């Protein structure tokens, strides 16, 4: 089960580029249900996500590089490329995504939680912007379908 909240971040609001990061590339084979292939640095993953906004099922299966390269060519819409920064916040980790074209200069932070109660009581840092947890326009699967 994935329980997360998402927030927009304004450029210059926080020095996120000072933190550890990893390059991501992902494509969507389906959006209902969400079936995604992703490269996370040197790792490759096939993900299934169920319906929902803040809380939803999520299953990850490892892929080989060859399988990823084969499947990413079958993805519909935009391939999403981003740099993900990992920022500690107490017992939590902020995963701040800096999107590449065609989504640049979008910056979005995700925070994952162990329970809905924890997610609902979360007080974001001052440098977080709008909470877009319940806005489907900011789901990567929806973004992959955006026309430019």
N, C-alpha and C. Protein backbone atom coordinates (compact mmCIF):
# COMPACT_ATOMS: atom_id res chain seq x y z
N UNK A 1 0.85 -1.18 0.00
CA UNK A 1 0.00 0.00 0.00
C UNK A 1 0.89 1.24 0.00
N UNK A 2 0.57 2.17 -0.86
CA UNK A 2 1.30 3.43 -0.92
C UNK A 2 0.42 4.53 -0.33
N UNK A 3 0.98 5.26 0.62
CA UNK A 3 0.28 6.40 1.23
C UNK A 3 1.21 7.59 1.09
N UNK A 4 0.83 8.54 0.24
CA UNK A 4 1.73 9.68 0.01
C UNK A 4 0.95 10.96 -0.24
N UNK A 5 1.61 12.06 0.05
CA UNK A 5 1.09 13.39 -0.28
C UNK A 5 2.08 14.06 -1.21
N UNK A 6 1.54 14.93 -2.09
CA UNK A 6 2.35 15.63 -3.09
C UNK A 6 2.16 17.13 -2.96
N UNK A 7 3.26 17.85 -3.18
CA UNK A 7 3.26 19.30 -3.05
C UNK A 7 4.08 19.92 -4.18
N UNK A 8 3.62 21.05 -4.67
CA UNK A 8 4.43 21.80 -5.62
C UNK A 8 5.49 22.57 -4.84
N UNK A 9 6.62 22.82 -5.50
CA UNK A 9 7.72 23.56 -4.89
C UNK A 9 8.10 24.68 -5.86
N UNK A 10 8.35 25.86 -5.32
CA UNK A 10 8.79 26.97 -6.17
C UNK A 10 10.31 26.98 -6.26
N UNK A 11 10.81 27.22 -7.47
CA UNK A 11 12.26 27.32 -7.69
C UNK A 11 12.83 28.35 -6.72
N UNK A 12 13.93 27.99 -6.08
CA UNK A 12 14.59 28.91 -5.14
C UNK A 12 14.05 28.84 -3.72
N UNK A 13 13.00 28.06 -3.49
CA UNK A 13 12.40 27.98 -2.15
C UNK A 13 13.26 27.19 -1.17
N UNK A 14 14.12 26.29 -1.71
CA UNK A 14 14.92 25.42 -0.86
C UNK A 14 16.11 24.91 -1.68
N UNK A 15 17.30 24.79 -1.08
CA UNK A 15 18.49 24.36 -1.84
C UNK A 15 18.54 22.83 -2.04
N UNK A 16 17.55 22.28 -2.74
CA UNK A 16 17.43 20.83 -2.88
C UNK A 16 18.57 20.18 -3.65
N UNK A 17 19.25 20.92 -4.51
CA UNK A 17 20.32 20.33 -5.31
C UNK A 17 21.55 19.95 -4.47
N UNK A 18 21.55 20.30 -3.19
CA UNK A 18 22.64 19.93 -2.28
C UNK A 18 22.48 18.50 -1.73
N UNK A 19 21.38 17.82 -2.06
CA UNK A 19 21.07 16.52 -1.46
C UNK A 19 21.33 15.38 -2.44
N UNK A 20 21.47 14.14 -1.91
CA UNK A 20 21.66 12.98 -2.80
C UNK A 20 20.52 12.88 -3.80
N UNK A 21 20.83 12.37 -4.99
CA UNK A 21 19.81 12.30 -6.03
C UNK A 21 20.05 11.10 -6.94
N UNK A 22 19.03 10.83 -7.75
CA UNK A 22 19.08 9.72 -8.70
C UNK A 22 18.28 10.15 -9.93
N UNK A 23 18.72 9.69 -11.11
CA UNK A 23 18.02 9.99 -12.36
C UNK A 23 16.94 8.95 -12.61
N UNK A 24 15.78 9.41 -13.04
CA UNK A 24 14.64 8.54 -13.33
C UNK A 24 14.17 8.75 -14.76
N UNK A 25 13.69 7.66 -15.35
CA UNK A 25 13.05 7.70 -16.67
C UNK A 25 11.90 6.70 -16.59
N UNK A 26 10.70 7.12 -16.98
CA UNK A 26 9.57 6.22 -16.86
C UNK A 26 8.55 6.45 -17.96
N UNK A 27 7.88 5.35 -18.32
CA UNK A 27 6.83 5.39 -19.33
C UNK A 27 5.65 4.56 -18.86
N UNK A 28 4.48 4.87 -19.38
CA UNK A 28 3.25 4.21 -18.94
C UNK A 28 2.70 3.34 -20.05
N UNK A 29 2.53 2.05 -19.73
CA UNK A 29 1.95 1.10 -20.66
C UNK A 29 0.43 1.13 -20.58
N UNK A 30 -0.09 1.60 -19.43
CA UNK A 30 -1.52 1.71 -19.19
C UNK A 30 -1.72 2.74 -18.08
N UNK A 31 -2.86 3.45 -18.13
CA UNK A 31 -3.16 4.38 -17.04
C UNK A 31 -4.36 3.93 -16.21
N UNK A 32 -5.15 2.96 -16.69
CA UNK A 32 -6.27 2.40 -15.92
C UNK A 32 -6.29 0.91 -16.14
N UNK A 33 -5.66 0.12 -15.29
CA UNK A 33 -4.86 0.51 -14.13
C UNK A 33 -3.51 1.07 -14.57
N UNK A 34 -2.84 1.71 -13.64
CA UNK A 34 -1.52 2.26 -13.94
C UNK A 34 -0.52 1.11 -14.00
N UNK A 35 0.14 0.99 -15.15
CA UNK A 35 1.24 0.04 -15.33
C UNK A 35 2.40 0.85 -15.89
N UNK A 36 3.48 0.90 -15.13
CA UNK A 36 4.61 1.78 -15.45
C UNK A 36 5.90 0.97 -15.51
N UNK A 37 6.78 1.36 -16.41
CA UNK A 37 8.16 0.86 -16.39
C UNK A 37 9.05 2.04 -16.04
N UNK A 38 10.05 1.77 -15.20
CA UNK A 38 10.88 2.87 -14.71
C UNK A 38 12.33 2.43 -14.57
N UNK A 39 13.19 3.36 -14.94
CA UNK A 39 14.62 3.24 -14.63
C UNK A 39 14.89 4.16 -13.47
N UNK A 40 15.45 3.60 -12.39
CA UNK A 40 15.81 4.36 -11.19
C UNK A 40 17.32 4.24 -11.04
N UNK A 41 18.07 5.16 -11.64
CA UNK A 41 19.52 5.02 -11.64
C UNK A 41 19.90 3.80 -12.45
N UNK A 42 20.47 2.78 -11.79
CA UNK A 42 20.86 1.54 -12.47
C UNK A 42 19.88 0.40 -12.21
N UNK A 43 18.72 0.69 -11.67
CA UNK A 43 17.71 -0.33 -11.39
C UNK A 43 16.51 -0.12 -12.30
N UNK A 44 15.81 -1.24 -12.60
CA UNK A 44 14.68 -1.20 -13.53
C UNK A 44 13.50 -1.90 -12.87
N UNK A 45 12.30 -1.28 -12.97
CA UNK A 45 11.15 -1.76 -12.23
C UNK A 45 9.88 -1.66 -13.09
N UNK A 46 9.02 -2.67 -12.96
CA UNK A 46 7.67 -2.64 -13.51
C UNK A 46 6.75 -2.43 -12.33
N UNK A 47 5.87 -1.44 -12.40
CA UNK A 47 4.99 -1.10 -11.28
C UNK A 47 3.54 -1.15 -11.70
N UNK A 48 2.71 -1.72 -10.83
CA UNK A 48 1.25 -1.67 -10.97
C UNK A 48 0.73 -0.82 -9.82
N UNK A 49 -0.15 0.15 -10.14
CA UNK A 49 -0.78 0.97 -9.10
C UNK A 49 -2.28 0.90 -9.26
N UNK A 50 -2.96 0.66 -8.16
CA UNK A 50 -4.41 0.64 -8.16
C UNK A 50 -4.98 2.05 -8.14
N UNK A 51 -6.31 2.16 -8.10
CA UNK A 51 -6.96 3.46 -8.07
C UNK A 51 -6.79 4.13 -6.73
N UNK A 52 -7.04 5.43 -6.70
CA UNK A 52 -6.95 6.18 -5.46
C UNK A 52 -6.07 7.41 -5.63
N UNK A 53 -6.11 8.28 -4.65
CA UNK A 53 -5.34 9.51 -4.72
C UNK A 53 -4.20 9.48 -3.68
N UNK A 54 -4.55 9.55 -2.40
CA UNK A 54 -3.51 9.56 -1.37
C UNK A 54 -3.11 8.14 -0.96
N UNK A 55 -4.06 7.21 -1.04
CA UNK A 55 -3.82 5.83 -0.63
C UNK A 55 -4.18 4.92 -1.79
N UNK A 56 -3.24 4.05 -2.19
CA UNK A 56 -3.55 3.10 -3.24
C UNK A 56 -2.57 1.93 -3.24
N UNK A 57 -3.05 0.83 -3.83
CA UNK A 57 -2.20 -0.35 -3.94
C UNK A 57 -1.03 -0.05 -4.84
N UNK A 58 0.12 -0.67 -4.54
CA UNK A 58 1.29 -0.54 -5.40
C UNK A 58 2.11 -1.81 -5.31
N UNK A 59 2.45 -2.37 -6.47
CA UNK A 59 3.29 -3.56 -6.54
C UNK A 59 4.44 -3.28 -7.49
N UNK A 60 5.65 -3.63 -7.07
CA UNK A 60 6.86 -3.42 -7.88
C UNK A 60 7.53 -4.76 -8.17
N UNK A 61 7.92 -4.93 -9.43
CA UNK A 61 8.63 -6.13 -9.85
C UNK A 61 9.91 -5.71 -10.54
N UNK A 62 11.03 -6.37 -10.23
CA UNK A 62 12.29 -6.00 -10.89
C UNK A 62 12.27 -6.37 -12.38
N UNK A 63 12.95 -5.57 -13.17
CA UNK A 63 13.13 -5.83 -14.61
C UNK A 63 14.61 -5.84 -14.91
N UNK A 64 14.98 -6.47 -16.00
CA UNK A 64 16.34 -6.36 -16.50
C UNK A 64 16.42 -5.09 -17.34
N UNK A 65 17.62 -4.62 -17.60
CA UNK A 65 17.82 -3.46 -18.46
C UNK A 65 17.22 -3.73 -19.85
N UNK A 66 17.44 -4.94 -20.35
CA UNK A 66 16.92 -5.30 -21.68
C UNK A 66 15.40 -5.26 -21.71
N UNK A 67 14.75 -5.78 -20.67
CA UNK A 67 13.28 -5.75 -20.60
C UNK A 67 12.78 -4.32 -20.54
N UNK A 68 13.43 -3.50 -19.72
CA UNK A 68 13.03 -2.09 -19.62
C UNK A 68 13.14 -1.42 -20.99
N UNK A 69 14.27 -1.58 -21.65
CA UNK A 69 14.48 -0.94 -22.95
C UNK A 69 13.46 -1.40 -23.99
N UNK A 70 13.05 -2.65 -23.91
CA UNK A 70 12.02 -3.17 -24.82
C UNK A 70 10.65 -2.54 -24.49
N UNK A 71 10.30 -2.52 -23.20
CA UNK A 71 8.98 -2.04 -22.79
C UNK A 71 8.82 -0.53 -22.90
N UNK A 72 9.87 0.23 -22.62
CA UNK A 72 9.75 1.70 -22.67
C UNK A 72 9.36 2.16 -24.08
N UNK A 73 9.76 1.41 -25.09
CA UNK A 73 9.40 1.74 -26.48
C UNK A 73 7.90 1.55 -26.73
N UNK A 74 7.24 0.79 -25.90
CA UNK A 74 5.81 0.53 -26.04
C UNK A 74 4.95 1.50 -25.22
N UNK A 75 5.58 2.37 -24.47
CA UNK A 75 4.86 3.31 -23.62
C UNK A 75 4.07 4.30 -24.47
N UNK A 76 2.89 4.65 -23.99
CA UNK A 76 2.06 5.65 -24.64
C UNK A 76 2.38 7.03 -24.10
N UNK A 77 2.30 8.03 -24.95
CA UNK A 77 2.45 9.41 -24.48
C UNK A 77 3.88 9.80 -24.18
N UNK A 78 4.01 10.73 -23.26
CA UNK A 78 5.31 11.30 -22.89
C UNK A 78 6.12 10.34 -22.02
N UNK A 79 7.41 10.26 -22.30
CA UNK A 79 8.32 9.59 -21.39
C UNK A 79 8.72 10.66 -20.38
N UNK A 80 8.60 10.33 -19.12
CA UNK A 80 8.90 11.29 -18.05
C UNK A 80 10.33 11.07 -17.57
N UNK A 81 11.10 12.15 -17.61
CA UNK A 81 12.48 12.13 -17.11
C UNK A 81 12.58 13.17 -16.01
N UNK A 82 13.25 12.77 -14.92
CA UNK A 82 13.36 13.68 -13.78
C UNK A 82 14.56 13.29 -12.94
N UNK A 83 15.01 14.25 -12.15
CA UNK A 83 16.02 13.99 -11.13
C UNK A 83 15.29 14.01 -9.81
N UNK A 84 15.47 12.96 -9.01
CA UNK A 84 14.82 12.88 -7.71
C UNK A 84 15.86 13.10 -6.62
N UNK A 85 15.59 14.07 -5.77
CA UNK A 85 16.45 14.41 -4.63
C UNK A 85 15.83 13.84 -3.36
N UNK A 86 16.67 13.30 -2.49
CA UNK A 86 16.22 12.67 -1.25
C UNK A 86 16.63 13.54 -0.08
N UNK A 87 15.60 14.14 0.57
CA UNK A 87 15.83 15.14 1.62
C UNK A 87 15.25 14.61 2.94
N UNK A 88 16.08 14.38 3.95
CA UNK A 88 15.55 13.88 5.22
C UNK A 88 14.72 14.95 5.94
N UNK A 89 13.65 14.47 6.58
CA UNK A 89 12.79 15.34 7.37
C UNK A 89 12.34 14.52 8.58
N UNK A 90 13.11 14.58 9.67
CA UNK A 90 12.82 13.75 10.84
C UNK A 90 12.90 12.29 10.44
N UNK A 91 11.83 11.53 10.72
CA UNK A 91 11.76 10.11 10.35
C UNK A 91 11.31 9.90 8.91
N UNK A 92 10.98 10.98 8.22
CA UNK A 92 10.47 10.90 6.85
C UNK A 92 11.55 11.30 5.85
N UNK A 93 11.26 11.01 4.59
CA UNK A 93 12.13 11.46 3.50
C UNK A 93 11.28 12.18 2.47
N UNK A 94 11.69 13.39 2.14
CA UNK A 94 11.05 14.13 1.05
C UNK A 94 11.72 13.67 -0.23
N UNK A 95 10.92 13.28 -1.21
CA UNK A 95 11.43 12.93 -2.53
C UNK A 95 11.03 14.07 -3.46
N UNK A 96 11.99 14.93 -3.78
CA UNK A 96 11.70 16.11 -4.58
C UNK A 96 12.12 15.84 -6.02
N UNK A 97 11.14 15.93 -6.93
CA UNK A 97 11.39 15.66 -8.35
C UNK A 97 11.55 16.96 -9.13
N UNK A 98 12.66 17.04 -9.84
CA UNK A 98 12.92 18.15 -10.76
C UNK A 98 12.73 17.57 -12.17
N UNK A 99 11.61 17.94 -12.80
CA UNK A 99 11.25 17.37 -14.09
C UNK A 99 12.04 17.99 -15.23
N UNK A 100 12.35 17.15 -16.21
CA UNK A 100 13.03 17.60 -17.43
C UNK A 100 11.96 17.94 -18.47
N UNK A 101 12.38 18.48 -19.61
CA UNK A 101 11.44 18.80 -20.69
C UNK A 101 10.63 17.57 -21.06
N UNK A 102 9.39 17.70 -21.39
CA UNK A 102 8.66 18.93 -21.63
C UNK A 102 7.98 19.51 -20.38
N UNK A 103 8.27 18.95 -19.20
CA UNK A 103 7.60 19.39 -17.97
C UNK A 103 8.37 20.44 -17.18
N UNK A 104 9.63 20.66 -17.53
CA UNK A 104 10.43 21.67 -16.83
C UNK A 104 9.74 23.02 -16.97
N UNK A 105 9.75 23.82 -15.94
CA UNK A 105 10.54 23.77 -14.71
C UNK A 105 9.78 23.20 -13.50
N UNK A 106 8.87 22.24 -13.73
CA UNK A 106 8.06 21.70 -12.64
C UNK A 106 8.93 21.06 -11.55
N UNK A 107 8.64 21.43 -10.31
CA UNK A 107 9.25 20.83 -9.11
C UNK A 107 8.11 20.32 -8.23
N UNK A 108 8.18 19.04 -7.85
CA UNK A 108 7.13 18.47 -7.03
C UNK A 108 7.75 17.55 -5.98
N UNK A 109 7.27 17.67 -4.76
CA UNK A 109 7.76 16.85 -3.66
C UNK A 109 6.70 15.84 -3.25
N UNK A 110 7.14 14.61 -2.95
CA UNK A 110 6.27 13.56 -2.44
C UNK A 110 6.81 13.13 -1.08
N UNK A 111 5.90 12.86 -0.17
CA UNK A 111 6.27 12.34 1.13
C UNK A 111 5.40 11.10 1.38
N UNK A 112 6.05 9.96 1.66
CA UNK A 112 5.32 8.72 1.92
C UNK A 112 5.19 8.51 3.43
N UNK A 113 4.04 7.91 3.80
CA UNK A 113 3.71 7.72 5.21
C UNK A 113 3.36 6.27 5.49
N UNK A 114 3.40 5.91 6.78
CA UNK A 114 3.06 4.54 7.20
C UNK A 114 1.56 4.37 7.41
N UNK A 115 0.83 5.49 7.62
CA UNK A 115 -0.62 5.40 7.87
C UNK A 115 -1.32 6.64 7.32
N UNK A 116 -2.63 6.51 7.11
CA UNK A 116 -3.42 7.66 6.67
C UNK A 116 -3.43 8.74 7.75
N UNK A 117 -3.48 8.31 9.01
CA UNK A 117 -3.48 9.26 10.12
C UNK A 117 -2.22 10.13 10.09
N UNK A 118 -1.08 9.46 9.88
CA UNK A 118 0.20 10.18 9.81
C UNK A 118 0.18 11.15 8.62
N UNK A 119 -0.34 10.71 7.48
CA UNK A 119 -0.40 11.56 6.29
C UNK A 119 -1.30 12.77 6.53
N UNK A 120 -2.44 12.54 7.14
CA UNK A 120 -3.40 13.64 7.37
C UNK A 120 -2.92 14.63 8.41
N UNK A 121 -2.06 14.19 9.34
CA UNK A 121 -1.58 15.11 10.38
C UNK A 121 -0.25 15.78 10.01
N UNK A 122 0.29 15.44 8.85
CA UNK A 122 1.57 15.99 8.40
C UNK A 122 1.47 17.51 8.21
N UNK A 123 2.42 18.21 8.82
CA UNK A 123 2.54 19.65 8.63
C UNK A 123 3.75 19.88 7.73
N UNK A 124 3.51 20.32 6.48
CA UNK A 124 4.63 20.47 5.55
C UNK A 124 5.57 21.59 5.95
N UNK A 125 6.83 21.46 5.53
CA UNK A 125 7.78 22.55 5.78
C UNK A 125 7.29 23.84 5.12
N UNK A 126 7.75 24.94 5.63
CA UNK A 126 7.36 26.27 5.14
C UNK A 126 7.63 26.45 3.65
N UNK A 127 8.65 25.80 3.12
CA UNK A 127 9.04 25.99 1.72
C UNK A 127 8.20 25.17 0.74
N UNK A 128 7.31 24.30 1.26
CA UNK A 128 6.39 23.58 0.38
C UNK A 128 5.33 24.54 -0.14
N UNK A 129 4.89 24.31 -1.37
CA UNK A 129 3.83 25.11 -1.96
C UNK A 129 2.49 24.37 -1.88
N UNK A 130 1.69 24.53 -2.91
CA UNK A 130 0.34 23.97 -2.97
C UNK A 130 0.34 22.44 -2.80
N UNK A 131 -0.61 21.96 -1.99
CA UNK A 131 -0.82 20.52 -1.82
C UNK A 131 -1.63 20.04 -3.02
N UNK A 132 -1.03 19.16 -3.84
CA UNK A 132 -1.70 18.65 -5.05
C UNK A 132 -1.99 17.15 -4.94
N UNK A 133 -2.03 16.66 -3.72
CA UNK A 133 -2.27 15.23 -3.48
C UNK A 133 -3.52 14.75 -4.20
N UNK A 134 -4.59 15.52 -4.15
CA UNK A 134 -5.87 15.09 -4.71
C UNK A 134 -6.14 15.68 -6.08
N UNK A 135 -5.12 16.20 -6.71
CA UNK A 135 -5.25 16.78 -8.06
C UNK A 135 -4.64 15.81 -9.07
N UNK A 136 -5.48 15.12 -9.82
CA UNK A 136 -5.01 14.10 -10.77
C UNK A 136 -4.06 14.66 -11.82
N UNK A 137 -4.13 15.95 -12.09
CA UNK A 137 -3.25 16.56 -13.10
C UNK A 137 -1.78 16.38 -12.74
N UNK A 138 -1.48 16.14 -11.47
CA UNK A 138 -0.10 15.99 -11.03
C UNK A 138 0.30 14.54 -10.78
N UNK A 139 -0.56 13.59 -11.17
CA UNK A 139 -0.14 12.19 -11.18
C UNK A 139 0.74 12.02 -12.41
N UNK A 140 1.86 11.35 -12.27
CA UNK A 140 2.75 11.16 -13.41
C UNK A 140 2.05 10.45 -14.56
N UNK A 141 1.13 9.53 -14.24
CA UNK A 141 0.40 8.82 -15.30
C UNK A 141 -0.46 9.79 -16.11
N UNK A 142 -1.06 10.76 -15.47
CA UNK A 142 -1.84 11.79 -16.18
C UNK A 142 -0.91 12.69 -16.98
N UNK A 143 0.21 13.06 -16.38
CA UNK A 143 1.18 13.91 -17.07
C UNK A 143 1.70 13.24 -18.33
N UNK A 144 1.80 11.92 -18.31
CA UNK A 144 2.31 11.21 -19.49
C UNK A 144 1.37 11.37 -20.68
N UNK A 145 0.13 11.71 -20.44
CA UNK A 145 -0.87 11.87 -21.50
C UNK A 145 -1.03 13.32 -21.95
N UNK A 146 -0.36 14.24 -21.26
CA UNK A 146 -0.48 15.66 -21.57
C UNK A 146 0.04 15.95 -22.97
N UNK A 147 -0.69 16.78 -23.70
CA UNK A 147 -0.29 17.16 -25.06
C UNK A 147 0.34 18.55 -24.99
N UNK A 148 1.48 18.69 -25.66
CA UNK A 148 2.19 19.98 -25.66
C UNK A 148 2.13 20.61 -27.02
